[in-house]
PDB file of N, CA and C in Angstrom:
ATOM      1  N   SER A   1       1.591  -6.430  42.324  1.00  0.00           N
ATOM      2  CA  SER A   1       1.646  -7.469  41.353  1.00  0.00           C
ATOM      3  C   SER A   1       0.369  -8.236  41.264  1.00  0.00           C
ATOM      4  N   VAL A   2      -0.360  -8.280  42.492  1.00  0.00           N
ATOM      5  CA  VAL A   2      -1.682  -8.945  42.475  1.00  0.00           C
ATOM      6  C   VAL A   2      -2.643  -8.185  41.587  1.00  0.00           C
ATOM      7  N   VAL A   3      -2.707  -6.934  41.635  1.00  0.00           N
ATOM      8  CA  VAL A   3      -3.518  -5.955  40.823  1.00  0.00           C
ATOM      9  C   VAL A   3      -3.225  -6.343  39.424  1.00  0.00           C
ATOM     10  N   ASP A   4      -1.926  -6.269  39.011  1.00  0.00           N
ATOM     11  CA  ASP A   4      -1.596  -6.508  37.617  1.00  0.00           C
ATOM     12  C   ASP A   4      -2.016  -7.872  37.103  1.00  0.00           C
ATOM     13  N   SER A   5      -1.876  -8.862  37.850  1.00  0.00           N
ATOM     14  CA  SER A   5      -2.368 -10.163  37.497  1.00  0.00           C
ATOM     15  C   SER A   5      -3.816 -10.242  37.389  1.00  0.00           C
ATOM     16  N   LEU A   6      -4.584  -9.570  38.302  1.00  0.00           N
ATOM     17  CA  LEU A   6      -5.975  -9.635  38.132  1.00  0.00           C
ATOM     18  C   LEU A   6      -6.540  -8.788  36.898  1.00  0.00           C
ATOM     19  N   ARG A   7      -5.792  -7.771  36.591  1.00  0.00           N
ATOM     20  CA  ARG A   7      -6.065  -6.939  35.499  1.00  0.00           C
ATOM     21  C   ARG A   7      -5.979  -7.789  34.146  1.00  0.00           C
ATOM     22  N   ALA A   8      -4.814  -8.578  34.202  1.00  0.00           N
ATOM     23  CA  ALA A   8      -4.645  -9.373  32.977  1.00  0.00           C
ATOM     24  C   ALA A   8      -5.653 -10.436  32.852  1.00  0.00           C
ATOM     25  N   GLU A   9      -6.079 -11.085  33.960  1.00  0.00           N
ATOM     26  CA  GLU A   9      -7.023 -12.238  33.990  1.00  0.00           C
ATOM     27  C   GLU A   9      -8.440 -11.678  33.725  1.00  0.00           C
ATOM     28  N   PHE A  10      -8.831 -10.423  34.154  1.00  0.00           N
ATOM     29  CA  PHE A  10     -10.128  -9.833  34.001  1.00  0.00           C
ATOM     30  C   PHE A  10     -10.119  -8.546  33.257  1.00  0.00           C
ATOM     31  N   PRO A  11      -9.720  -8.466  31.995  1.00  0.00           N
ATOM     32  CA  PRO A  11      -9.431  -7.182  31.377  1.00  0.00           C
ATOM     33  C   PRO A  11     -10.670  -6.245  31.259  1.00  0.00           C
ATOM     34  N   SER A  12     -11.892  -6.728  31.379  1.00  0.00           N
ATOM     35  CA  SER A  12     -13.087  -5.920  31.341  1.00  0.00           C
ATOM     36  C   SER A  12     -13.457  -5.361  32.573  1.00  0.00           C
ATOM     37  N   THR A  13     -12.850  -5.676  33.607  1.00  0.00           N
ATOM     38  CA  THR A  13     -13.088  -5.257  35.050  1.00  0.00           C
ATOM     39  C   THR A  13     -12.120  -4.185  35.539  1.00  0.00           C
ATOM     40  N   ARG A  14     -12.639  -3.138  35.961  1.00  0.00           N
ATOM     41  CA  ARG A  14     -11.858  -2.071  36.516  1.00  0.00           C
ATOM     42  C   ARG A  14     -11.324  -2.446  38.004  1.00  0.00           C
ATOM     43  N   ILE A  15     -10.042  -2.698  38.082  1.00  0.00           N
ATOM     44  CA  ILE A  15      -9.443  -3.177  39.354  1.00  0.00           C
ATOM     45  C   ILE A  15      -8.376  -2.080  39.793  1.00  0.00           C
ATOM     46  N   PHE A  16      -8.592  -1.545  41.030  1.00  0.00           N
ATOM     47  CA  PHE A  16      -7.684  -0.517  41.494  1.00  0.00           C
ATOM     48  C   PHE A  16      -7.479  -0.729  43.002  1.00  0.00           C
ATOM     49  N   THR A  17      -6.665   0.054  43.665  1.00  0.00           N
ATOM     50  CA  THR A  17      -6.300  -0.072  44.995  1.00  0.00           C
ATOM     51  C   THR A  17      -6.592   1.247  45.697  1.00  0.00           C
ATOM     52  N   ILE A  18      -6.786   1.092  47.029  1.00  0.00           N
ATOM     53  CA  ILE A  18      -7.083   2.337  47.837  1.00  0.00           C
ATOM     54  C   ILE A  18      -6.007   2.173  48.935  1.00  0.00           C
ATOM     55  N   PRO A  19      -5.099   3.047  49.163  1.00  0.00           N
ATOM     56  CA  PRO A  19      -4.037   2.930  49.976  1.00  0.00           C
ATOM     57  C   PRO A  19      -4.325   3.318  51.495  1.00  0.00           C
ATOM     58  N   THR A  20      -5.345   2.607  52.033  1.00  0.00           N
ATOM     59  CA  THR A  20      -5.741   3.038  53.274  1.00  0.00           C
ATOM     60  C   THR A  20      -4.670   2.721  54.403  1.00  0.00           C
ATOM     61  N   GLY A  21      -3.701   1.848  54.165  1.00  0.00           N
ATOM     62  CA  GLY A  21      -2.742   1.564  55.051  1.00  0.00           C
ATOM     63  C   GLY A  21      -1.833   2.815  55.335  1.00  0.00           C
ATOM     64  N   SER A  22      -1.759   3.611  54.241  1.00  0.00           N
ATOM     65  CA  SER A  22      -0.911   4.727  54.388  1.00  0.00           C
ATOM     66  C   SER A  22      -1.442   5.871  55.378  1.00  0.00           C
ATOM     67  N   ALA A  23      -2.804   5.771  55.615  1.00  0.00           N
ATOM     68  CA  ALA A  23      -3.340   6.592  56.741  1.00  0.00           C
ATOM     69  C   ALA A  23      -2.805   6.271  58.081  1.00  0.00           C
ATOM     70  N   THR A  24      -2.576   4.988  58.376  1.00  0.00           N
ATOM     71  CA  THR A  24      -1.970   4.484  59.611  1.00  0.00           C
ATOM     72  C   THR A  24      -0.611   5.143  59.664  1.00  0.00           C
ATOM     73  N   LEU A  25       0.225   4.962  58.627  1.00  0.00           N
ATOM     74  CA  LEU A  25       1.508   5.423  58.647  1.00  0.00           C
ATOM     75  C   LEU A  25       1.605   7.009  58.962  1.00  0.00           C
ATOM     76  N   LYS A  26       0.796   7.731  58.121  1.00  0.00           N
ATOM     77  CA  LYS A  26       0.765   9.128  58.239  1.00  0.00           C
ATOM     78  C   LYS A  26       0.319   9.563  59.727  1.00  0.00           C
ATOM     79  N   LEU A  27      -0.717   8.979  60.141  1.00  0.00           N
ATOM     80  CA  LEU A  27      -1.203   9.452  61.454  1.00  0.00           C
ATOM     81  C   LEU A  27      -0.288   9.046  62.613  1.00  0.00           C
ATOM     82  N   VAL A  28       0.386   7.947  62.519  1.00  0.00           N
ATOM     83  CA  VAL A  28       1.397   7.609  63.493  1.00  0.00           C
ATOM     84  C   VAL A  28       2.512   8.569  63.570  1.00  0.00           C
ATOM     85  N   GLN A  29       2.974   8.921  62.208  1.00  0.00           N
ATOM     86  CA  GLN A  29       4.059   9.918  62.177  1.00  0.00           C
ATOM     87  C   GLN A  29       3.694  11.301  62.758  1.00  0.00           C
ATOM     88  N   MET A  30       2.335  11.656  62.426  1.00  0.00           N
ATOM     89  CA  MET A  30       1.939  12.964  62.978  1.00  0.00           C
ATOM     90  C   MET A  30       1.873  12.953  64.521  1.00  0.00           C
ATOM     91  N   HIS A  31       1.505  11.781  65.000  1.00  0.00           N
ATOM     92  CA  HIS A  31       1.403  11.497  66.453  1.00  0.00           C
ATOM     93  C   HIS A  31       2.831  11.753  67.035  1.00  0.00           C
ATOM     94  N   THR A  32       3.691  11.033  66.401  1.00  0.00           N
ATOM     95  CA  THR A  32       5.258  11.153  66.892  1.00  0.00           C
ATOM     96  C   THR A  32       5.750  12.541  66.933  1.00  0.00           C
ATOM     97  N   ASP A  33       5.354  13.261  65.715  1.00  0.00           N
ATOM     98  CA  ASP A  33       5.843  14.579  65.704  1.00  0.00           C
ATOM     99  C   ASP A  33       5.004  15.708  66.351  1.00  0.00           C
ATOM    100  N   GLY A  34       3.969  15.195  67.113  1.00  0.00           N
ATOM    101  CA  GLY A  34       3.244  16.121  67.796  1.00  0.00           C
ATOM    102  C   GLY A  34       2.227  16.907  66.984  1.00  0.00           C
ATOM    103  N   LEU A  35       1.864  16.581  65.749  1.00  0.00           N
ATOM    104  CA  LEU A  35       1.074  17.365  64.938  1.00  0.00           C
ATOM    105  C   LEU A  35      -0.407  17.073  64.848  1.00  0.00           C
ATOM    106  N   LEU A  36      -0.852  16.157  65.614  1.00  0.00           N
ATOM    107  CA  LEU A  36      -2.245  15.838  65.695  1.00  0.00           C
ATOM    108  C   LEU A  36      -2.994  16.899  66.501  1.00  0.00           C
ATOM    109  N   LEU A  37      -4.092  17.439  66.189  1.00  0.00           N
ATOM    110  CA  LEU A  37      -4.772  18.444  66.877  1.00  0.00           C
ATOM    111  C   LEU A  37      -5.756  17.927  67.996  1.00  0.00           C
ATOM    112  N   ASP A  38      -5.705  16.527  68.122  1.00  0.00           N
ATOM    113  CA  ASP A  38      -6.572  15.913  69.080  1.00  0.00           C
ATOM    114  C   ASP A  38      -5.652  15.263  70.138  1.00  0.00           C
ATOM    115  N   SER A  39      -6.254  15.041  71.257  1.00  0.00           N
ATOM    116  CA  SER A  39      -5.559  14.219  72.336  1.00  0.00           C
ATOM    117  C   SER A  39      -5.665  12.815  72.081  1.00  0.00           C
ATOM    118  N   ILE A  40      -4.669  12.175  71.343  1.00  0.00           N
ATOM    119  CA  ILE A  40      -4.750  10.903  70.848  1.00  0.00           C
ATOM    120  C   ILE A  40      -3.564  10.123  71.417  1.00  0.00           C
ATOM    121  N   ASP A  41      -3.923   8.936  72.031  1.00  0.00           N
ATOM    122  CA  ASP A  41      -2.830   8.084  72.603  1.00  0.00           C
ATOM    123  C   ASP A  41      -2.370   7.105  71.543  1.00  0.00           C
ATOM    124  N   LEU A  42      -1.208   6.453  71.727  1.00  0.00           N
ATOM    125  CA  LEU A  42      -0.845   5.415  70.863  1.00  0.00           C
ATOM    126  C   LEU A  42      -1.705   4.156  70.917  1.00  0.00           C
ATOM    127  N   THR A  43      -2.048   3.685  72.132  1.00  0.00           N
ATOM    128  CA  THR A  43      -2.986   2.607  72.307  1.00  0.00           C
ATOM    129  C   THR A  43      -3.944   2.922  73.376  1.00  0.00           C
ATOM    130  N   GLY A  44      -5.133   2.343  73.268  1.00  0.00           N
ATOM    131  CA  GLY A  44      -6.147   2.620  74.269  1.00  0.00           C
ATOM    132  C   GLY A  44      -7.570   2.513  73.646  1.00  0.00           C
ATOM    133  N   PRO A  45      -8.592   3.174  74.189  1.00  0.00           N
ATOM    134  CA  PRO A  45      -9.851   3.097  73.658  1.00  0.00           C
ATOM    135  C   PRO A  45      -9.923   3.649  72.102  1.00  0.00           C
ATOM    136  N   ALA A  46     -10.755   3.032  71.256  1.00  0.00           N
ATOM    137  CA  ALA A  46     -10.837   3.364  69.948  1.00  0.00           C
ATOM    138  C   ALA A  46     -11.014   4.807  69.738  1.00  0.00           C
ATOM    139  N   ALA A  47     -11.816   5.411  70.525  1.00  0.00           N
ATOM    140  CA  ALA A  47     -12.330   6.863  70.276  1.00  0.00           C
ATOM    141  C   ALA A  47     -11.144   7.802  70.574  1.00  0.00           C
ATOM    142  N   SER A  48     -10.121   7.408  71.259  1.00  0.00           N
ATOM    143  CA  SER A  48      -8.997   8.331  71.694  1.00  0.00           C
ATOM    144  C   SER A  48      -7.657   7.733  71.365  1.00  0.00           C
ATOM    145  N   SER A  49      -7.478   6.816  70.602  1.00  0.00           N
ATOM    146  CA  SER A  49      -6.140   6.151  70.342  1.00  0.00           C
ATOM    147  C   SER A  49      -5.965   5.733  68.814  1.00  0.00           C
ATOM    148  N   LEU A  50      -4.718   5.773  68.482  1.00  0.00           N
ATOM    149  CA  LEU A  50      -4.421   5.244  67.159  1.00  0.00           C
ATOM    150  C   LEU A  50      -4.722   3.701  67.020  1.00  0.00           C
ATOM    151  N   PHE A  51      -4.427   2.961  68.110  1.00  0.00           N
ATOM    152  CA  PHE A  51      -4.591   1.682  68.111  1.00  0.00           C
ATOM    153  C   PHE A  51      -5.385   1.156  69.365  1.00  0.00           C
ATOM    154  N   THR A  52      -6.190   0.138  69.254  1.00  0.00           N
ATOM    155  CA  THR A  52      -6.897  -0.334  70.433  1.00  0.00           C
ATOM    156  C   THR A  52      -6.081  -1.447  71.097  1.00  0.00           C
ATOM    157  N   ASP A  53      -5.064  -1.943  70.477  1.00  0.00           N
ATOM    158  CA  ASP A  53      -4.258  -2.996  71.228  1.00  0.00           C
ATOM    159  C   ASP A  53      -2.859  -3.017  70.542  1.00  0.00           C
ATOM    160  N   THR A  54      -2.103  -3.966  71.118  1.00  0.00           N
ATOM    161  CA  THR A  54      -0.712  -3.943  70.545  1.00  0.00           C
ATOM    162  C   THR A  54      -0.622  -4.858  69.343  1.00  0.00           C
ATOM    163  N   LYS A  55      -1.739  -5.406  68.918  1.00  0.00           N
ATOM    164  CA  LYS A  55      -1.810  -6.113  67.681  1.00  0.00           C
ATOM    165  C   LYS A  55      -1.975  -5.335  66.470  1.00  0.00           C
ATOM    166  N   GLY A  56      -2.270  -3.964  66.608  1.00  0.00           N
ATOM    167  CA  GLY A  56      -2.431  -3.041  65.532  1.00  0.00           C
ATOM    168  C   GLY A  56      -3.922  -2.818  65.050  1.00  0.00           C
ATOM    169  N   HIS A  57      -4.844  -3.220  65.939  1.00  0.00           N
ATOM    170  CA  HIS A  57      -6.282  -2.862  65.480  1.00  0.00           C
ATOM    171  C   HIS A  57      -6.405  -1.359  65.554  1.00  0.00           C
ATOM    172  N   GLN A  58      -6.966  -0.842  64.474  1.00  0.00           N
ATOM    173  CA  GLN A  58      -6.960   0.635  64.522  1.00  0.00           C
ATOM    174  C   GLN A  58      -8.167   1.306  65.249  1.00  0.00           C
ATOM    175  N   GLY A  59      -7.690   2.456  65.744  1.00  0.00           N
ATOM    176  CA  GLY A  59      -8.660   3.320  66.466  1.00  0.00           C
ATOM    177  C   GLY A  59      -9.528   4.155  65.505  1.00  0.00           C
ATOM    178  N   ASP A  60     -10.450   4.868  66.005  1.00  0.00           N
ATOM    179  CA  ASP A  60     -11.414   5.665  65.220  1.00  0.00           C
ATOM    180  C   ASP A  60     -10.711   6.671  64.398  1.00  0.00           C
ATOM    181  N   ILE A  61      -9.660   7.293  64.713  1.00  0.00           N
ATOM    182  CA  ILE A  61      -9.070   8.316  63.883  1.00  0.00           C
ATOM    183  C   ILE A  61      -8.427   7.739  62.619  1.00  0.00           C
ATOM    184  N   ILE A  62      -7.938   6.521  62.734  1.00  0.00           N
ATOM    185  CA  ILE A  62      -7.398   5.874  61.567  1.00  0.00           C
ATOM    186  C   ILE A  62      -8.530   5.356  60.688  1.00  0.00           C
ATOM    187  N   THR A  63      -9.612   4.675  61.222  1.00  0.00           N
ATOM    188  CA  THR A  63     -10.635   4.163  60.428  1.00  0.00           C
ATOM    189  C   THR A  63     -11.423   5.261  59.810  1.00  0.00           C
ATOM    190  N   GLU A  64     -11.520   6.417  60.474  1.00  0.00           N
ATOM    191  CA  GLU A  64     -12.231   7.559  59.856  1.00  0.00           C
ATOM    192  C   GLU A  64     -11.494   8.016  58.659  1.00  0.00           C
ATOM    193  N   THR A  65     -10.233   8.212  58.769  1.00  0.00           N
ATOM    194  CA  THR A  65      -9.409   8.677  57.554  1.00  0.00           C
ATOM    195  C   THR A  65      -9.495   7.645  56.513  1.00  0.00           C
ATOM    196  N   GLY A  66      -9.377   6.377  56.791  1.00  0.00           N
ATOM    197  CA  GLY A  66      -9.572   5.444  55.706  1.00  0.00           C
ATOM    198  C   GLY A  66     -10.942   5.459  55.144  1.00  0.00           C
ATOM    199  N   SER A  67     -11.943   5.738  55.786  1.00  0.00           N
ATOM    200  CA  SER A  67     -13.340   5.815  55.194  1.00  0.00           C
ATOM    201  C   SER A  67     -13.389   6.983  54.317  1.00  0.00           C
ATOM    202  N   LEU A  68     -12.831   8.143  54.639  1.00  0.00           N
ATOM    203  CA  LEU A  68     -12.720   9.258  53.763  1.00  0.00           C
ATOM    204  C   LEU A  68     -12.047   8.968  52.451  1.00  0.00           C
ATOM    205  N   MET A  69     -10.872   8.191  52.540  1.00  0.00           N
ATOM    206  CA  MET A  69     -10.121   7.775  51.279  1.00  0.00           C
ATOM    207  C   MET A  69     -11.112   6.986  50.509  1.00  0.00           C
ATOM    208  N   TRP A  70     -11.846   5.995  51.018  1.00  0.00           N
ATOM    209  CA  TRP A  70     -12.910   5.235  50.296  1.00  0.00           C
ATOM    210  C   TRP A  70     -13.853   6.177  49.646  1.00  0.00           C
ATOM    211  N   LEU A  71     -14.332   7.182  50.251  1.00  0.00           N
ATOM    212  CA  LEU A  71     -15.335   8.105  49.768  1.00  0.00           C
ATOM    213  C   LEU A  71     -14.864   8.800  48.496  1.00  0.00           C
ATOM    214  N   GLN A  72     -13.482   9.212  48.612  1.00  0.00           N
ATOM    215  CA  GLN A  72     -12.978   9.875  47.431  1.00  0.00           C
ATOM    216  C   GLN A  72     -12.685   8.889  46.326  1.00  0.00           C
ATOM    217  N   SER A  73     -12.173   7.739  46.539  1.00  0.00           N
ATOM    218  CA  SER A  73     -11.684   6.835  45.557  1.00  0.00           C
ATOM    219  C   SER A  73     -12.921   6.190  45.019  1.00  0.00           C
ATOM    220  N   LEU A  74     -13.902   5.749  45.677  1.00  0.00           N
ATOM    221  CA  LEU A  74     -15.010   4.997  45.082  1.00  0.00           C
ATOM    222  C   LEU A  74     -16.070   5.842  44.539  1.00  0.00           C
ATOM    223  N   TYR A  75     -16.387   7.055  45.147  1.00  0.00           N
ATOM    224  CA  TYR A  75     -17.522   7.831  44.903  1.00  0.00           C
ATOM    225  C   TYR A  75     -17.154   9.132  44.294  1.00  0.00           C
ATOM    226  N   GLY A  76     -15.824   9.483  44.185  1.00  0.00           N
ATOM    227  CA  GLY A  76     -15.403  10.706  43.673  1.00  0.00           C
ATOM    228  C   GLY A  76     -15.754  11.980  44.492  1.00  0.00           C
ATOM    229  N   ILE A  77     -16.050  11.762  45.794  1.00  0.00           N
ATOM    230  CA  ILE A  77     -16.275  12.839  46.671  1.00  0.00           C
ATOM    231  C   ILE A  77     -15.090  13.777  46.785  1.00  0.00           C
ATOM    232  N   ASP A  78     -15.284  15.120  46.619  1.00  0.00           N
ATOM    233  CA  ASP A  78     -14.376  16.123  46.761  1.00  0.00           C
ATOM    234  C   ASP A  78     -14.231  16.450  48.264  1.00  0.00           C
ATOM    235  N   LEU A  79     -13.230  15.807  48.854  1.00  0.00           N
ATOM    236  CA  LEU A  79     -13.072  16.021  50.399  1.00  0.00           C
ATOM    237  C   LEU A  79     -12.789  17.396  50.826  1.00  0.00           C
ATOM    238  N   SER A  80     -12.358  18.271  49.867  1.00  0.00           N
ATOM    239  CA  SER A  80     -12.121  19.691  50.236  1.00  0.00           C
ATOM    240  C   SER A  80     -13.457  20.381  50.477  1.00  0.00           C
ATOM    241  N   GLU A  81     -14.521  19.879  49.960  1.00  0.00           N
ATOM    242  CA  GLU A  81     -15.764  20.542  50.047  1.00  0.00           C
ATOM    243  C   GLU A  81     -16.754  19.556  50.922  1.00  0.00           C
ATOM    244  N   TYR A  82     -16.253  18.514  51.475  1.00  0.00           N
ATOM    245  CA  TYR A  82     -17.090  17.601  52.166  1.00  0.00           C
ATOM    246  C   TYR A  82     -17.376  18.042  53.600  1.00  0.00           C
ATOM    247  N   SER A  83     -18.579  18.281  53.919  1.00  0.00           N
ATOM    248  CA  SER A  83     -19.029  18.997  55.111  1.00  0.00           C
ATOM    249  C   SER A  83     -19.327  18.077  56.383  1.00  0.00           C
ATOM    250  N   PHE A  84     -19.122  16.726  56.229  1.00  0.00           N
ATOM    251  CA  PHE A  84     -19.345  15.816  57.308  1.00  0.00           C
ATOM    252  C   PHE A  84     -18.357  16.020  58.454  1.00  0.00           C
ATOM    253  N   SER A  85     -18.765  16.033  59.638  1.00  0.00           N
ATOM    254  CA  SER A  85     -18.001  16.169  60.829  1.00  0.00           C
ATOM    255  C   SER A  85     -17.409  14.812  61.119  1.00  0.00           C
ATOM    256  N   THR A  86     -16.013  14.742  61.269  1.00  0.00           N
ATOM    257  CA  THR A  86     -15.294  13.488  61.538  1.00  0.00           C
ATOM    258  C   THR A  86     -15.376  13.251  63.058  1.00  0.00           C
ATOM    259  N   GLY A  87     -15.613  14.313  63.777  1.00  0.00           N
ATOM    260  CA  GLY A  87     -15.478  14.194  65.246  1.00  0.00           C
ATOM    261  C   GLY A  87     -13.951  14.433  65.743  1.00  0.00           C
ATOM    262  N   PHE A  88     -13.138  14.861  64.830  1.00  0.00           N
ATOM    263  CA  PHE A  88     -11.773  15.084  65.168  1.00  0.00           C
ATOM    264  C   PHE A  88     -11.458  16.567  64.809  1.00  0.00           C
ATOM    265  N   GLN A  89     -10.445  17.145  65.536  1.00  0.00           N
ATOM    266  CA  GLN A  89     -10.079  18.475  65.179  1.00  0.00           C
ATOM    267  C   GLN A  89      -8.973  18.440  63.984  1.00  0.00           C
ATOM    268  N   THR A  90      -8.330  17.314  64.085  1.00  0.00           N
ATOM    269  CA  THR A  90      -7.248  17.154  62.973  1.00  0.00           C
ATOM    270  C   THR A  90      -8.109  17.098  61.677  1.00  0.00           C
ATOM    271  N   ASP A  91      -7.510  17.750  60.675  1.00  0.00           N
ATOM    272  CA  ASP A  91      -8.215  17.778  59.339  1.00  0.00           C
ATOM    273  C   ASP A  91      -7.976  16.488  58.631  1.00  0.00           C
ATOM    274  N   LEU A  92      -8.864  15.568  59.026  1.00  0.00           N
ATOM    275  CA  LEU A  92      -8.782  14.219  58.367  1.00  0.00           C
ATOM    276  C   LEU A  92      -9.152  14.238  56.780  1.00  0.00           C
ATOM    277  N   PRO A  93     -10.026  15.004  56.355  1.00  0.00           N
ATOM    278  CA  PRO A  93     -10.387  14.994  54.977  1.00  0.00           C
ATOM    279  C   PRO A  93      -9.176  15.492  54.173  1.00  0.00           C
ATOM    280  N   ALA A  94      -8.364  16.433  54.629  1.00  0.00           N
ATOM    281  CA  ALA A  94      -7.218  16.992  53.965  1.00  0.00           C
ATOM    282  C   ALA A  94      -6.158  15.840  53.889  1.00  0.00           C
ATOM    283  N   ILE A  95      -5.945  15.201  55.073  1.00  0.00           N
ATOM    284  CA  ILE A  95      -4.974  14.039  55.046  1.00  0.00           C
ATOM    285  C   ILE A  95      -5.349  12.925  54.187  1.00  0.00           C
ATOM    286  N   ALA A  96      -6.680  12.653  54.125  1.00  0.00           N
ATOM    287  CA  ALA A  96      -7.148  11.548  53.227  1.00  0.00           C
ATOM    288  C   ALA A  96      -6.977  11.939  51.778  1.00  0.00           C
ATOM    289  N   GLU A  97      -7.295  13.077  51.384  1.00  0.00           N
ATOM    290  CA  GLU A  97      -7.198  13.620  50.095  1.00  0.00           C
ATOM    291  C   GLU A  97      -5.726  13.576  49.721  1.00  0.00           C
ATOM    292  N   GLU A  98      -4.761  14.000  50.530  1.00  0.00           N
ATOM    293  CA  GLU A  98      -3.335  14.099  50.275  1.00  0.00           C
ATOM    294  C   GLU A  98      -2.884  12.628  49.853  1.00  0.00           C
ATOM    295  N   LEU A  99      -3.269  11.680  50.752  1.00  0.00           N
ATOM    296  CA  LEU A  99      -2.792  10.315  50.511  1.00  0.00           C
ATOM    297  C   LEU A  99      -3.416   9.620  49.338  1.00  0.00           C
ATOM    298  N   VAL A 100      -4.613   9.951  48.953  1.00  0.00           N
ATOM    299  CA  VAL A 100      -5.316   9.388  47.814  1.00  0.00           C
ATOM    300  C   VAL A 100      -4.508  10.009  46.489  1.00  0.00           C
ATOM    301  N   ASN A 101      -4.265  11.365  46.601  1.00  0.00           N
ATOM    302  CA  ASN A 101      -3.667  12.014  45.452  1.00  0.00           C
ATOM    303  C   ASN A 101      -2.183  11.597  45.223  1.00  0.00           C
ATOM    304  N   ALA A 102      -1.583  11.158  46.280  1.00  0.00           N
ATOM    305  CA  ALA A 102      -0.097  10.792  46.201  1.00  0.00           C
ATOM    306  C   ALA A 102      -0.036   9.270  45.830  1.00  0.00           C
ATOM    307  N   HIS A 103      -1.168   8.621  45.801  1.00  0.00           N
ATOM    308  CA  HIS A 103      -1.275   7.177  45.245  1.00  0.00           C
ATOM    309  C   HIS A 103      -0.745   7.068  43.812  1.00  0.00           C
ATOM    310  N   ASP A 104      -0.012   5.980  43.558  1.00  0.00           N
ATOM    311  CA  ASP A 104       0.429   5.699  42.238  1.00  0.00           C
ATOM    312  C   ASP A 104      -0.746   5.745  41.240  1.00  0.00           C
ATOM    313  N   PRO A 105      -0.764   6.657  40.375  1.00  0.00           N
ATOM    314  CA  PRO A 105      -1.891   6.676  39.377  1.00  0.00           C
ATOM    315  C   PRO A 105      -2.187   5.326  38.454  1.00  0.00           C
ATOM    316  N   MET A 106      -1.217   4.490  38.439  1.00  0.00           N
ATOM    317  CA  MET A 106      -1.427   3.278  37.749  1.00  0.00           C
ATOM    318  C   MET A 106      -2.393   2.425  38.442  1.00  0.00           C
ATOM    319  N   TYR A 107      -2.614   2.624  39.789  1.00  0.00           N
ATOM    320  CA  TYR A 107      -3.316   1.729  40.580  1.00  0.00           C
ATOM    321  C   TYR A 107      -4.639   2.498  41.217  1.00  0.00           C
ATOM    322  N   LYS A 108      -4.996   3.700  40.618  1.00  0.00           N
ATOM    323  CA  LYS A 108      -6.195   4.358  40.914  1.00  0.00           C
ATOM    324  C   LYS A 108      -7.433   3.931  40.150  1.00  0.00           C
TER     325      LYS A 108
END
């Protein structure tokens, strides 16, 4: 509803959202299901954990996925052809692309 209000107030400005929070949900579910190809803990150091603390500060695997989502959403980068190494074995570009493509088109 915030986006809709802003669009009404600023009709000449393109306002959209990037669902980076969905990266957290997806990666936590993959961790729970044992589908991550990396050795990732629930909490611990940023480089090897989903979260760095019990407050929910994100580890590198989540922030990297969110960054890829930004690349696709803001700059139109085709993540299926993106050759940058994320440092993870889990296919983060494919996950990011899936999440962006599943996002409500009214808010892209």
